C-alpha atoms as a PDB file:
ATOM      1  CA  MET A   1     113.875  76.086  87.871  1.00  0.00           C
ATOM      2  CA  PHE A   2     115.718  79.196  89.267  1.00  0.00           C
ATOM      3  CA  LYS A   3     119.202  80.287  90.478  1.00  0.00           C
ATOM      4  CA  VAL A   4     121.477  82.041  92.326  1.00  0.00           C
ATOM      5  CA  GLY A   5     121.324  85.751  91.363  1.00  0.00           C
ATOM      6  CA  ASP A   6     118.212  85.641  89.258  1.00  0.00           C
ATOM      7  CA  HIS A   7     115.620  88.460  89.731  1.00  0.00           C
ATOM      8  CA  VAL A   8     112.450  87.405  90.691  1.00  0.00           C
ATOM      9  CA  VAL A   9     108.772  88.775  91.975  1.00  0.00           C
ATOM     10  CA  TYR A  10     107.315  87.330  94.946  1.00  0.00           C
ATOM     11  CA  PRO A  11     103.340  88.224  95.055  1.00  0.00           C
ATOM     12  CA  TYR A  12     102.458  90.933  97.224  1.00  0.00           C
ATOM     13  CA  HIS A  13     106.303  91.301  97.910  1.00  0.00           C
ATOM     14  CA  GLY A  14     107.532  93.002  94.524  1.00  0.00           C
ATOM     15  CA  ALA A  15     110.771  92.086  92.587  1.00  0.00           C
ATOM     16  CA  GLY A  16     114.052  90.723  94.150  1.00  0.00           C
ATOM     17  CA  THR A  17     116.949  88.934  93.839  1.00  0.00           C
ATOM     18  CA  ILE A  18     117.929  85.197  94.577  1.00  0.00           C
ATOM     19  CA  GLU A  19     121.018  85.706  96.918  1.00  0.00           C
ATOM     20  CA  ASP A  20     121.635  81.519  97.913  1.00  0.00           C
ATOM     21  CA  ILE A  21     119.626  78.894  98.126  1.00  0.00           C
ATOM     22  CA  GLU A  22     120.533  77.348 101.822  1.00  0.00           C
ATOM     23  CA  GLU A  23     119.810  74.279 103.378  1.00  0.00           C
ATOM     24  CA  LYS A  24     118.429  73.645 106.711  1.00  0.00           C
ATOM     25  CA  ASN A  25     117.680  71.153 109.121  1.00  0.00           C
ATOM     26  CA  VAL A  26     114.600  71.620 110.525  1.00  0.00           C
ATOM     27  CA  LEU A  27     112.857  68.657 112.486  1.00  0.00           C
ATOM     28  CA  GLY A  28     115.757  65.756 111.556  1.00  0.00           C
ATOM     29  CA  GLU A  29     114.981  67.048 107.840  1.00  0.00           C
ATOM     30  CA  THR A  30     116.933  69.030 105.410  1.00  0.00           C
ATOM     31  CA  HIS A  31     115.306  71.016 103.459  1.00  0.00           C
ATOM     32  CA  SER A  32     116.394  73.524 100.763  1.00  0.00           C
ATOM     33  CA  TYR A  33     115.449  77.377 101.068  1.00  0.00           C
ATOM     34  CA  TYR A  34     115.561  80.194  98.661  1.00  0.00           C
ATOM     35  CA  ILE A  35     116.950  83.539 100.601  1.00  0.00           C
ATOM     36  CA  LEU A  36     115.031  86.219  98.239  1.00  0.00           C
ATOM     37  CA  HIS A  37     116.432  89.767  99.241  1.00  0.00           C
ATOM     38  CA  PHE A  38     114.026  93.153  98.048  1.00  0.00           C
ATOM     39  CA  PRO A  39     116.074  96.070  97.690  1.00  0.00           C
ATOM     40  CA  LEU A  40     113.051  98.458  97.428  1.00  0.00           C
ATOM     41  CA  VAL A  41     111.658  97.235 100.900  1.00  0.00           C
ATOM     42  CA  ASP A  42     114.887  96.421 102.439  1.00  0.00           C
ATOM     43  CA  VAL A  43     113.551  92.732 103.104  1.00  0.00           C
ATOM     44  CA  LYS A  44     115.210  89.096 103.212  1.00  0.00           C
ATOM     45  CA  LEU A  45     112.589  85.967 102.801  1.00  0.00           C
ATOM     46  CA  MET A  46     113.323  82.787 103.165  1.00  0.00           C
ATOM     47  CA  LEU A  47     110.962  80.651 100.630  1.00  0.00           C
ATOM     48  CA  PRO A  48     111.463  76.654 101.107  1.00  0.00           C
ATOM     49  CA  GLU A  49     111.851  75.034  97.534  1.00  0.00           C
ATOM     50  CA  ASN A  50     109.012  72.739  97.741  1.00  0.00           C
ATOM     51  CA  ARG A  51     106.724  75.607  98.228  1.00  0.00           C
ATOM     52  CA  ILE A  52     108.229  77.591  95.048  1.00  0.00           C
ATOM     53  CA  GLU A  53     105.396  75.995  92.782  1.00  0.00           C
ATOM     54  CA  GLN A  54     102.478  77.639  95.021  1.00  0.00           C
ATOM     55  CA  SER A  55     103.995  80.330  96.103  1.00  0.00           C
ATOM     56  CA  GLY A  56     103.852  82.134  92.906  1.00  0.00           C
ATOM     57  CA  LEU A  57     107.352  83.219  92.333  1.00  0.00           C
ATOM     58  CA  ARG A  58     107.710  84.122  88.625  1.00  0.00           C
ATOM     59  CA  LYS A  59     110.864  85.771  86.858  1.00  0.00           C
ATOM     60  CA  VAL A  60     110.507  89.223  86.417  1.00  0.00           C
ATOM     61  CA  ILE A  61     109.402  90.784  82.875  1.00  0.00           C
ATOM     62  CA  ALA A  62     111.272  90.588  79.919  1.00  0.00           C
ATOM     63  CA  GLN A  63     112.051  93.946  78.315  1.00  0.00           C
ATOM     64  CA  GLN A  64     109.914  93.352  75.025  1.00  0.00           C
ATOM     65  CA  GLU A  65     106.786  93.347  77.719  1.00  0.00           C
ATOM     66  CA  LEU A  66     107.322  96.780  78.895  1.00  0.00           C
ATOM     67  CA  ASP A  67     104.414  97.528  76.212  1.00  0.00           C
ATOM     68  CA  HIS A  68     102.000  96.038  77.297  1.00  0.00           C
ATOM     69  CA  LEU A  69     102.631  97.405  80.519  1.00  0.00           C
ATOM     70  CA  VAL A  70     102.633 100.744  79.799  1.00  0.00           C
ATOM     71  CA  GLU A  71      99.152  99.688  78.026  1.00  0.00           C
ATOM     72  CA  ALA A  72      97.448  98.180  80.738  1.00  0.00           C
ATOM     73  CA  LEU A  73      98.648 101.255  82.328  1.00  0.00           C
ATOM     74  CA  GLN A  74      96.897 103.673  80.439  1.00  0.00           C
ATOM     75  CA  ASN A  75      94.078 101.576  79.611  1.00  0.00           C
ATOM     76  CA  GLY A  76      93.144  99.830  82.924  1.00  0.00           C
ATOM     77  CA  PRO A  77      91.352  96.317  83.112  1.00  0.00           C
ATOM     78  CA  GLU A  78      88.582  95.528  80.717  1.00  0.00           C
ATOM     79  CA  ASN A  79      85.818  95.135  82.969  1.00  0.00           C
ATOM     80  CA  PRO A  80      86.215  98.005  85.618  1.00  0.00           C
ATOM     81  CA  LEU A  81      86.683  96.721  88.953  1.00  0.00           C
ATOM     82  CA  SER A  82      82.844  97.380  90.952  1.00  0.00           C
ATOM     83  CA  THR A  83      83.073  99.847  93.802  1.00  0.00           C
ATOM     84  CA  SER A  84      81.043  97.576  96.583  1.00  0.00           C
ATOM     85  CA  HIS A  85      83.917  94.338  96.054  1.00  0.00           C
ATOM     86  CA  PHE A  86      86.755  96.655  95.592  1.00  0.00           C
ATOM     87  CA  SER A  87      88.967  96.354  98.279  1.00  0.00           C
ATOM     88  CA  ARG A  88      88.483  92.379  98.432  1.00  0.00           C
ATOM     89  CA  ASP A  89      89.358  92.610  94.476  1.00  0.00           C
ATOM     90  CA  THR A  90      92.016  95.185  94.913  1.00  0.00           C
ATOM     91  CA  GLU A  91      93.671  92.507  97.482  1.00  0.00           C
ATOM     92  CA  ASN A  92      93.132  89.557  95.222  1.00  0.00           C
ATOM     93  CA  LEU A  93      94.949  91.828  92.501  1.00  0.00           C
ATOM     94  CA  LEU A  94      97.911  93.022  94.870  1.00  0.00           C
ATOM     95  CA  LYS A  95      98.186  89.203  96.442  1.00  0.00           C
ATOM     96  CA  SER A  96      98.583  87.926  92.500  1.00  0.00           C
ATOM     97  CA  GLY A  97     101.936  88.852  91.730  1.00  0.00           C
ATOM     98  CA  SER A  98     100.966  89.842  88.191  1.00  0.00           C
ATOM     99  CA  ILE A  99     102.735  93.275  86.974  1.00  0.00           C
ATOM    100  CA  ILE A 100      99.770  93.256  84.476  1.00  0.00           C
ATOM    101  CA  ASP A 101      97.038  93.166  87.278  1.00  0.00           C
ATOM    102  CA  ALA A 102      99.221  95.577  89.894  1.00  0.00           C
ATOM    103  CA  ALA A 103      99.178  98.351  86.293  1.00  0.00           C
ATOM    104  CA  HIS A 104      94.874  97.615  85.955  1.00  0.00           C
ATOM    105  CA  LEU A 105      94.611  98.577  89.774  1.00  0.00           C
ATOM    106  CA  ILE A 106      96.767 101.971  89.557  1.00  0.00           C
ATOM    107  CA  SER A 107      94.592 103.065  86.813  1.00  0.00           C
ATOM    108  CA  SER A 108      91.473 102.289  88.229  1.00  0.00           C
ATOM    109  CA  LEU A 109      92.933 103.664  91.199  1.00  0.00           C
ATOM    110  CA  SER A 110      94.348 106.553  89.816  1.00  0.00           C
ATOM    111  CA  LYS A 111      90.863 107.235  88.128  1.00  0.00           C
ATOM    112  CA  LYS A 112      89.022 106.588  91.231  1.00  0.00           C
ATOM    113  CA  GLN A 113      90.774 109.175  92.676  1.00  0.00           C
ATOM    114  CA  THR A 114      90.404 112.073  90.021  1.00  0.00           C
ATOM    115  CA  GLU A 115      86.678 111.103  89.672  1.00  0.00           C
ATOM    116  CA  ARG A 116      86.664 111.749  93.687  1.00  0.00           C
ATOM    117  CA  SER A 117      86.699 115.734  94.524  1.00  0.00           C
ATOM    118  CA  ASN A 118      88.259 114.248  98.168  1.00  0.00           C
ATOM    119  CA  GLY A 119      90.482 111.718  97.369  1.00  0.00           C
ATOM    120  CA  LEU A 120      90.704 108.101  98.015  1.00  0.00           C
ATOM    121  CA  HIS A 121      89.745 106.427 101.256  1.00  0.00           C
ATOM    122  CA  ILE A 122      93.295 105.452 103.413  1.00  0.00           C
ATOM    123  CA  GLN A 123      92.599 102.105 102.095  1.00  0.00           C
ATOM    124  CA  ASP A 124      92.458 102.454  98.989  1.00  0.00           C
ATOM    125  CA  ARG A 125      95.941 104.861  99.051  1.00  0.00           C
ATOM    126  CA  ASN A 126      97.508 102.273 100.194  1.00  0.00           C
ATOM    127  CA  HIS A 127      96.475 100.101  97.481  1.00  0.00           C
ATOM    128  CA  LEU A 128      97.534 102.357  95.321  1.00  0.00           C
ATOM    129  CA  GLN A 129     101.130 103.119  96.942  1.00  0.00           C
ATOM    130  CA  LYS A 130     101.612  99.322  97.388  1.00  0.00           C
ATOM    131  CA  ALA A 131     100.852  98.595  93.615  1.00  0.00           C
ATOM    132  CA  LYS A 132     103.295 101.003  92.548  1.00  0.00           C
ATOM    133  CA  GLN A 133     105.938  99.633  94.649  1.00  0.00           C
ATOM    134  CA  MET A 134     105.326  96.167  93.247  1.00  0.00           C
ATOM    135  CA  ILE A 135     105.807  97.364  89.631  1.00  0.00           C
ATOM    136  CA  ALA A 136     108.669 100.210  90.491  1.00  0.00           C
ATOM    137  CA  SER A 137     110.745  96.655  92.331  1.00  0.00           C
ATOM    138  CA  GLU A 138     110.252  95.215  89.209  1.00  0.00           C
ATOM    139  CA  LEU A 139     111.388  98.330  87.029  1.00  0.00           C
ATOM    140  CA  VAL A 140     114.137  99.011  88.926  1.00  0.00           C
ATOM    141  CA  LEU A 141     115.810  95.623  88.361  1.00  0.00           C
ATOM    142  CA  MET A 142     114.500  94.596  84.936  1.00  0.00           C
ATOM    143  CA  ASN A 143     115.209  97.803  83.335  1.00  0.00           C
ATOM    144  CA  ASP A 144     118.381  99.408  85.118  1.00  0.00           C
ATOM    145  CA  MET A 145     116.042 102.067  87.150  1.00  0.00           C
ATOM    146  CA  THR A 146     116.411 104.186  89.933  1.00  0.00           C
ATOM    147  CA  GLU A 147     113.775 103.556  92.352  1.00  0.00           C
ATOM    148  CA  GLU A 148     112.638 107.142  91.609  1.00  0.00           C
ATOM    149  CA  GLN A 149     113.365 106.609  87.505  1.00  0.00           C
ATOM    150  CA  ALA A 150     110.779 103.816  88.071  1.00  0.00           C
ATOM    151  CA  TYR A 151     107.961 105.970  89.756  1.00  0.00           C
ATOM    152  CA  GLU A 152     108.031 108.750  86.940  1.00  0.00           C
ATOM    153  CA  PHE A 153     107.889 105.681  84.181  1.00  0.00           C
ATOM    154  CA  ILE A 154     104.969 104.530  86.256  1.00  0.00           C
ATOM    155  CA  ASP A 155     102.931 108.293  86.783  1.00  0.00           C
ATOM    156  CA  GLN A 156     104.245 109.583  83.005  1.00  0.00           C
ATOM    157  CA  SER A 157     102.461 106.318  81.774  1.00  0.00           C
ATOM    158  CA  LEU A 158      99.348 107.108  83.601  1.00  0.00           C
ATOM    159  CA  LEU A 159      99.887 111.075  82.261  1.00  0.00           C
ATOM    160  CA  ASP A 160     100.276 109.811  78.502  1.00  0.00           C
ATOM    161  CA  GLU A 161      96.868 108.004  78.650  1.00  0.00           C
ATOM    162  CA  GLY A 162      94.961 110.747  76.506  1.00  0.00           C
ATOM    163  CA  SER A 163      97.997 110.595  74.090  1.00  0.00           C
ATOM    164  CA  ALA A 164      97.844 106.826  73.203  1.00  0.00           C
END
């Protein structure tokens, strides 16, 4: 399924690299663990091989999917998120691990930010930053960008909204 060196996305953590696959003896049973490193947040994670399916781990997007990402950043979701359930919806979008869900979230929160005279609430600001970080981490690994270039790409895609 996955091998050492693969660039992957783990929901809510963003993109990282499989550095190793180790066998560990736990309570008398031997299990394989994927050792993931997330460079943007400098975190290592051990993910049991038998939990890969339900974890939502996936490969980073391919270069040809970049246009779809830009479109999602510019246009947002087809059905705007309701503000009364925004926090729950926001958490679910972040936990999905989908780069398109993260892009829709960024688009929605950015629009909300421009509509409000006093900006976003702290929770929304945190969710916006987390979504940008998740996309940036994937752009860094799939498109050979620096972290700064990845954030600029996201911001520029949002600015180009009117000219798309």
